Amino acid sequence: MIKEYDVVKSTKALSDAIAAGCKGAVVMVHTEPTIGYEVEFVDDNGETLDVLTVYPDDIQLLN
């Protein structure tokens, strides 16, 4: 199960700024009305690209 502070990557393009394979950190886990995650996605330099609400099929656990 994915939890806060886990490192994840996107499994598909989620926005213009977030391509498939983009890495990020889970900053919040939502459980109601369905499971979702607030993820801060970053570039290779650690700069924030975007913070998005995503669903389990949108991300994959890396750590």
PDB file of N, CA and C in Angstrom:
ATOM      1  N   MET A   1       0.826  -1.182   0.000  1.00  0.00           N
ATOM      2  CA  MET A   1       0.000   0.000   0.000  1.00  0.00           C
ATOM      3  C   MET A   1       0.877   1.255   0.000  1.00  0.00           C
ATOM      4  N   ILE A   2       0.498   2.214  -0.789  1.00  0.00           N
ATOM      5  CA  ILE A   2       1.241   3.469  -0.875  1.00  0.00           C
ATOM      6  C   ILE A   2       0.841   4.348   0.302  1.00  0.00           C
ATOM      7  N   LYS A   3       1.853   4.978   0.926  1.00  0.00           N
ATOM      8  CA  LYS A   3       1.592   5.828   2.083  1.00  0.00           C
ATOM      9  C   LYS A   3       2.318   7.163   1.922  1.00  0.00           C
ATOM     10  N   GLU A   4       2.048   8.104   2.841  1.00  0.00           N
ATOM     11  CA  GLU A   4       2.693   9.412   2.788  1.00  0.00           C
ATOM     12  C   GLU A   4       4.204   9.264   2.758  1.00  0.00           C
ATOM     13  N   TYR A   5       4.837  10.130   1.967  1.00  0.00           N
ATOM     14  CA  TYR A   5       6.284  10.235   1.795  1.00  0.00           C
ATOM     15  C   TYR A   5       6.887   9.149   0.925  1.00  0.00           C
ATOM     16  N   ASP A   6       6.087   8.214   0.419  1.00  0.00           N
ATOM     17  CA  ASP A   6       6.613   7.228  -0.523  1.00  0.00           C
ATOM     18  C   ASP A   6       6.988   7.924  -1.827  1.00  0.00           C
ATOM     19  N   VAL A   7       8.006   7.395  -2.482  1.00  0.00           N
ATOM     20  CA  VAL A   7       8.419   7.892  -3.789  1.00  0.00           C
ATOM     21  C   VAL A   7       7.725   7.042  -4.848  1.00  0.00           C
ATOM     22  N   VAL A   8       7.115   7.724  -5.804  1.00  0.00           N
ATOM     23  CA  VAL A   8       6.346   7.052  -6.845  1.00  0.00           C
ATOM     24  C   VAL A   8       6.748   7.602  -8.212  1.00  0.00           C
ATOM     25  N   LYS A   9       6.292   6.920  -9.260  1.00  0.00           N
ATOM     26  CA  LYS A   9       6.429   7.471 -10.610  1.00  0.00           C
ATOM     27  C   LYS A   9       5.092   7.342 -11.312  1.00  0.00           C
ATOM     28  N   SER A  10       4.848   8.255 -12.231  1.00  0.00           N
ATOM     29  CA  SER A  10       3.587   8.227 -12.974  1.00  0.00           C
ATOM     30  C   SER A  10       3.624   7.094 -13.988  1.00  0.00           C
ATOM     31  N   THR A  11       2.508   6.414 -14.164  1.00  0.00           N
ATOM     32  CA  THR A  11       2.428   5.310 -15.115  1.00  0.00           C
ATOM     33  C   THR A  11       1.961   5.776 -16.489  1.00  0.00           C
ATOM     34  N   LYS A  12       1.540   7.058 -16.567  1.00  0.00           N
ATOM     35  CA  LYS A  12       1.077   7.642 -17.828  1.00  0.00           C
ATOM     36  C   LYS A  12       1.208   9.153 -17.715  1.00  0.00           C
ATOM     37  N   ALA A  13       1.076   9.838 -18.826  1.00  0.00           N
ATOM     38  CA  ALA A  13       1.087  11.296 -18.797  1.00  0.00           C
ATOM     39  C   ALA A  13      -0.143  11.773 -18.029  1.00  0.00           C
ATOM     40  N   LEU A  14       0.073  12.658 -17.055  1.00  0.00           N
ATOM     41  CA  LEU A  14      -1.016  13.139 -16.211  1.00  0.00           C
ATOM     42  C   LEU A  14      -1.374  14.590 -16.484  1.00  0.00           C
ATOM     43  N   SER A  15      -0.482  15.322 -17.121  1.00  0.00           N
ATOM     44  CA  SER A  15      -0.723  16.718 -17.495  1.00  0.00           C
ATOM     45  C   SER A  15       0.349  17.107 -18.503  1.00  0.00           C
ATOM     46  N   ASP A  16       0.319  18.343 -18.955  1.00  0.00           N
ATOM     47  CA  ASP A  16       1.361  18.811 -19.874  1.00  0.00           C
ATOM     48  C   ASP A  16       2.740  18.750 -19.221  1.00  0.00           C
ATOM     49  N   ALA A  17       2.802  18.967 -17.910  1.00  0.00           N
ATOM     50  CA  ALA A  17       4.076  18.989 -17.192  1.00  0.00           C
ATOM     51  C   ALA A  17       4.509  17.619 -16.688  1.00  0.00           C
ATOM     52  N   ILE A  18       3.564  16.694 -16.551  1.00  0.00           N
ATOM     53  CA  ILE A  18       3.866  15.386 -15.949  1.00  0.00           C
ATOM     54  C   ILE A  18       3.732  14.289 -16.995  1.00  0.00           C
ATOM     55  N   ALA A  19       4.879  13.816 -17.471  1.00  0.00           N
ATOM     56  CA  ALA A  19       4.920  12.741 -18.463  1.00  0.00           C
ATOM     57  C   ALA A  19       4.970  11.388 -17.758  1.00  0.00           C
ATOM     58  N   ALA A  20       4.735  10.343 -18.500  1.00  0.00           N
ATOM     59  CA  ALA A  20       4.879   8.991 -17.961  1.00  0.00           C
ATOM     60  C   ALA A  20       6.303   8.820 -17.442  1.00  0.00           C
ATOM     61  N   GLY A  21       6.442   8.234 -16.257  1.00  0.00           N
ATOM     62  CA  GLY A  21       7.757   8.001 -15.670  1.00  0.00           C
ATOM     63  C   GLY A  21       8.266   9.119 -14.787  1.00  0.00           C
ATOM     64  N   CYS A  22       7.511  10.200 -14.667  1.00  0.00           N
ATOM     65  CA  CYS A  22       7.909  11.329 -13.827  1.00  0.00           C
ATOM     66  C   CYS A  22       7.849  10.906 -12.357  1.00  0.00           C
ATOM     67  N   LYS A  23       8.890  11.259 -11.589  1.00  0.00           N
ATOM     68  CA  LYS A  23       8.949  10.875 -10.175  1.00  0.00           C
ATOM     69  C   LYS A  23       8.331  11.933  -9.287  1.00  0.00           C
ATOM     70  N   GLY A  24       7.815  11.468  -8.137  1.00  0.00           N
ATOM     71  CA  GLY A  24       7.230  12.382  -7.173  1.00  0.00           C
ATOM     72  C   GLY A  24       7.138  11.752  -5.802  1.00  0.00           C
ATOM     73  N   ALA A  25       6.694  12.542  -4.850  1.00  0.00           N
ATOM     74  CA  ALA A  25       6.515  12.073  -3.476  1.00  0.00           C
ATOM     75  C   ALA A  25       5.065  12.260  -3.064  1.00  0.00           C
ATOM     76  N   VAL A  26       4.531  11.271  -2.385  1.00  0.00           N
ATOM     77  CA  VAL A  26       3.160  11.344  -1.893  1.00  0.00           C
ATOM     78  C   VAL A  26       3.155  12.272  -0.676  1.00  0.00           C
ATOM     79  N   VAL A  27       2.334  13.323  -0.729  1.00  0.00           N
ATOM     80  CA  VAL A  27       2.264  14.268   0.382  1.00  0.00           C
ATOM     81  C   VAL A  27       0.985  14.115   1.196  1.00  0.00           C
ATOM     82  N   MET A  28      -0.002  13.409   0.645  1.00  0.00           N
ATOM     83  CA  MET A  28      -1.255  13.173   1.381  1.00  0.00           C
ATOM     84  C   MET A  28      -1.964  11.974   0.764  1.00  0.00           C
ATOM     85  N   VAL A  29      -2.592  11.181   1.618  1.00  0.00           N
ATOM     86  CA  VAL A  29      -3.385  10.039   1.163  1.00  0.00           C
ATOM     87  C   VAL A  29      -4.848  10.319   1.499  1.00  0.00           C
ATOM     88  N   HIS A  30      -5.712  10.200   0.499  1.00  0.00           N
ATOM     89  CA  HIS A  30      -7.157  10.363   0.701  1.00  0.00           C
ATOM     90  C   HIS A  30      -7.793   8.974   0.713  1.00  0.00           C
ATOM     91  N   THR A  31      -8.741   8.757   1.609  1.00  0.00           N
ATOM     92  CA  THR A  31      -9.417   7.463   1.669  1.00  0.00           C
ATOM     93  C   THR A  31     -10.909   7.562   1.369  1.00  0.00           C
ATOM     94  N   GLU A  32     -11.471   8.748   1.409  1.00  0.00           N
ATOM     95  CA  GLU A  32     -12.902   8.936   1.147  1.00  0.00           C
ATOM     96  C   GLU A  32     -13.099   9.988   0.076  1.00  0.00           C
ATOM     97  N   PRO A  33     -13.969   9.869  -0.845  1.00  0.00           N
ATOM     98  CA  PRO A  33     -14.883   8.759  -1.067  1.00  0.00           C
ATOM     99  C   PRO A  33     -14.193   7.574  -1.743  1.00  0.00           C
ATOM    100  N   THR A  34     -12.983   7.769  -2.233  1.00  0.00           N
ATOM    101  CA  THR A  34     -12.199   6.688  -2.835  1.00  0.00           C
ATOM    102  C   THR A  34     -10.732   6.951  -2.563  1.00  0.00           C
ATOM    103  N   ILE A  35      -9.884   5.952  -2.747  1.00  0.00           N
ATOM    104  CA  ILE A  35      -8.452   6.130  -2.496  1.00  0.00           C
ATOM    105  C   ILE A  35      -7.860   7.043  -3.564  1.00  0.00           C
ATOM    106  N   GLY A  36      -7.125   8.034  -3.114  1.00  0.00           N
ATOM    107  CA  GLY A  36      -6.428   8.956  -4.001  1.00  0.00           C
ATOM    108  C   GLY A  36      -5.209   9.500  -3.284  1.00  0.00           C
ATOM    109  N   TYR A  37      -4.322  10.112  -4.034  1.00  0.00           N
ATOM    110  CA  TYR A  37      -3.062  10.599  -3.466  1.00  0.00           C
ATOM    111  C   TYR A  37      -2.756  11.995  -3.988  1.00  0.00           C
ATOM    112  N   GLU A  38      -2.269  12.868  -3.112  1.00  0.00           N
ATOM    113  CA  GLU A  38      -1.701  14.136  -3.538  1.00  0.00           C
ATOM    114  C   GLU A  38      -0.219  13.853  -3.734  1.00  0.00           C
ATOM    115  N   VAL A  39       0.273  14.097  -4.937  1.00  0.00           N
ATOM    116  CA  VAL A  39       1.670  13.807  -5.248  1.00  0.00           C
ATOM    117  C   VAL A  39       2.350  15.073  -5.758  1.00  0.00           C
ATOM    118  N   GLU A  40       3.511  15.375  -5.183  1.00  0.00           N
ATOM    119  CA  GLU A  40       4.348  16.470  -5.680  1.00  0.00           C
ATOM    120  C   GLU A  40       5.347  15.860  -6.660  1.00  0.00           C
ATOM    121  N   PHE A  41       5.172  16.158  -7.926  1.00  0.00           N
ATOM    122  CA  PHE A  41       6.066  15.657  -8.968  1.00  0.00           C
ATOM    123  C   PHE A  41       7.213  16.637  -9.165  1.00  0.00           C
ATOM    124  N   VAL A  42       8.423  16.096  -9.383  1.00  0.00           N
ATOM    125  CA  VAL A  42       9.620  16.926  -9.512  1.00  0.00           C
ATOM    126  C   VAL A  42      10.406  16.549 -10.766  1.00  0.00           C
ATOM    127  N   ASP A  43      11.265  17.479 -11.203  1.00  0.00           N
ATOM    128  CA  ASP A  43      12.145  17.197 -12.332  1.00  0.00           C
ATOM    129  C   ASP A  43      13.431  16.559 -11.815  1.00  0.00           C
ATOM    130  N   ASP A  44      14.394  16.347 -12.701  1.00  0.00           N
ATOM    131  CA  ASP A  44      15.650  15.681 -12.319  1.00  0.00           C
ATOM    132  C   ASP A  44      16.486  16.503 -11.345  1.00  0.00           C
ATOM    133  N   ASN A  45      16.207  17.802 -11.233  1.00  0.00           N
ATOM    134  CA  ASN A  45      16.933  18.674 -10.308  1.00  0.00           C
ATOM    135  C   ASN A  45      16.198  18.837  -8.972  1.00  0.00           C
ATOM    136  N   GLY A  46      15.059  18.157  -8.822  1.00  0.00           N
ATOM    137  CA  GLY A  46      14.293  18.250  -7.587  1.00  0.00           C
ATOM    138  C   GLY A  46      13.355  19.443  -7.529  1.00  0.00           C
ATOM    139  N   GLU A  47      13.219  20.157  -8.639  1.00  0.00           N
ATOM    140  CA  GLU A  47      12.309  21.300  -8.691  1.00  0.00           C
ATOM    141  C   GLU A  47      10.881  20.814  -8.917  1.00  0.00           C
ATOM    142  N   THR A  48       9.942  21.391  -8.193  1.00  0.00           N
ATOM    143  CA  THR A  48       8.544  20.999  -8.319  1.00  0.00           C
ATOM    144  C   THR A  48       7.993  21.337  -9.691  1.00  0.00           C
ATOM    145  N   LEU A  49       7.380  20.342 -10.327  1.00  0.00           N
ATOM    146  CA  LEU A  49       6.697  20.541 -11.602  1.00  0.00           C
ATOM    147  C   LEU A  49       5.220  20.817 -11.391  1.00  0.00           C
ATOM    148  N   ASP A  50       4.599  20.056 -10.487  1.00  0.00           N
ATOM    149  CA  ASP A  50       3.170  20.192 -10.225  1.00  0.00           C
ATOM    150  C   ASP A  50       2.808  19.330  -9.023  1.00  0.00           C
ATOM    151  N   VAL A  51       1.699  19.662  -8.389  1.00  0.00           N
ATOM    152  CA  VAL A  51       1.120  18.841  -7.331  1.00  0.00           C
ATOM    153  C   VAL A  51      -0.265  18.447  -7.826  1.00  0.00           C
ATOM    154  N   LEU A  52      -0.488  17.145  -7.939  1.00  0.00           N
ATOM    155  CA  LEU A  52      -1.735  16.637  -8.502  1.00  0.00           C
ATOM    156  C   LEU A  52      -2.387  15.618  -7.589  1.00  0.00           C
ATOM    157  N   THR A  53      -3.704  15.521  -7.686  1.00  0.00           N
ATOM    158  CA  THR A  53      -4.430  14.420  -7.058  1.00  0.00           C
ATOM    159  C   THR A  53      -4.497  13.302  -8.081  1.00  0.00           C
ATOM    160  N   VAL A  54      -4.012  12.122  -7.708  1.00  0.00           N
ATOM    161  CA  VAL A  54      -3.970  10.983  -8.627  1.00  0.00           C
ATOM    162  C   VAL A  54      -4.610   9.767  -7.964  1.00  0.00           C
ATOM    163  N   TYR A  55      -4.813   8.744  -8.752  1.00  0.00           N
ATOM    164  CA  TYR A  55      -5.458   7.507  -8.285  1.00  0.00           C
ATOM    165  C   TYR A  55      -4.489   6.341  -8.408  1.00  0.00           C
ATOM    166  N   PRO A  56      -4.780   5.209  -7.770  1.00  0.00           N
ATOM    167  CA  PRO A  56      -3.831   4.091  -7.748  1.00  0.00           C
ATOM    168  C   PRO A  56      -3.310   3.657  -9.128  1.00  0.00           C
ATOM    169  N   ASP A  57      -4.132   3.707 -10.151  1.00  0.00           N
ATOM    170  CA  ASP A  57      -3.677   3.297 -11.487  1.00  0.00           C
ATOM    171  C   ASP A  57      -2.756   4.322 -12.147  1.00  0.00           C
ATOM    172  N   ASP A  58      -2.670   5.526 -11.581  1.00  0.00           N
ATOM    173  CA  ASP A  58      -1.871   6.603 -12.173  1.00  0.00           C
ATOM    174  C   ASP A  58      -0.409   6.566 -11.741  1.00  0.00           C
ATOM    175  N   ILE A  59      -0.105   5.846 -10.644  1.00  0.00           N
ATOM    176  CA  ILE A  59       1.245   5.857 -10.099  1.00  0.00           C
ATOM    177  C   ILE A  59       1.713   4.446  -9.731  1.00  0.00           C
ATOM    178  N   GLN A  60       3.039   4.328  -9.600  1.00  0.00           N
ATOM    179  CA  GLN A  60       3.669   3.071  -9.198  1.00  0.00           C
ATOM    180  C   GLN A  60       4.686   3.364  -8.107  1.00  0.00           C
ATOM    181  N   LEU A  61       4.683   2.568  -7.047  1.00  0.00           N
ATOM    182  CA  LEU A  61       5.613   2.729  -5.939  1.00  0.00           C
ATOM    183  C   LEU A  61       7.043   2.438  -6.372  1.00  0.00           C
ATOM    184  N   LEU A  62       8.001   3.295  -5.990  1.00  0.00           N
ATOM    185  CA  LEU A  62       9.414   3.079  -6.328  1.00  0.00           C
ATOM    186  C   LEU A  62      10.247   2.593  -5.153  1.00  0.00           C
ATOM    187  N   ASN A  63       9.892   2.974  -3.912  1.00  0.00           N
ATOM    188  CA  ASN A  63      10.769   2.576  -2.796  1.00  0.00           C
ATOM    189  C   ASN A  63      10.185   1.475  -1.969  1.00  0.00           C
TER     190      ASN A  63
END
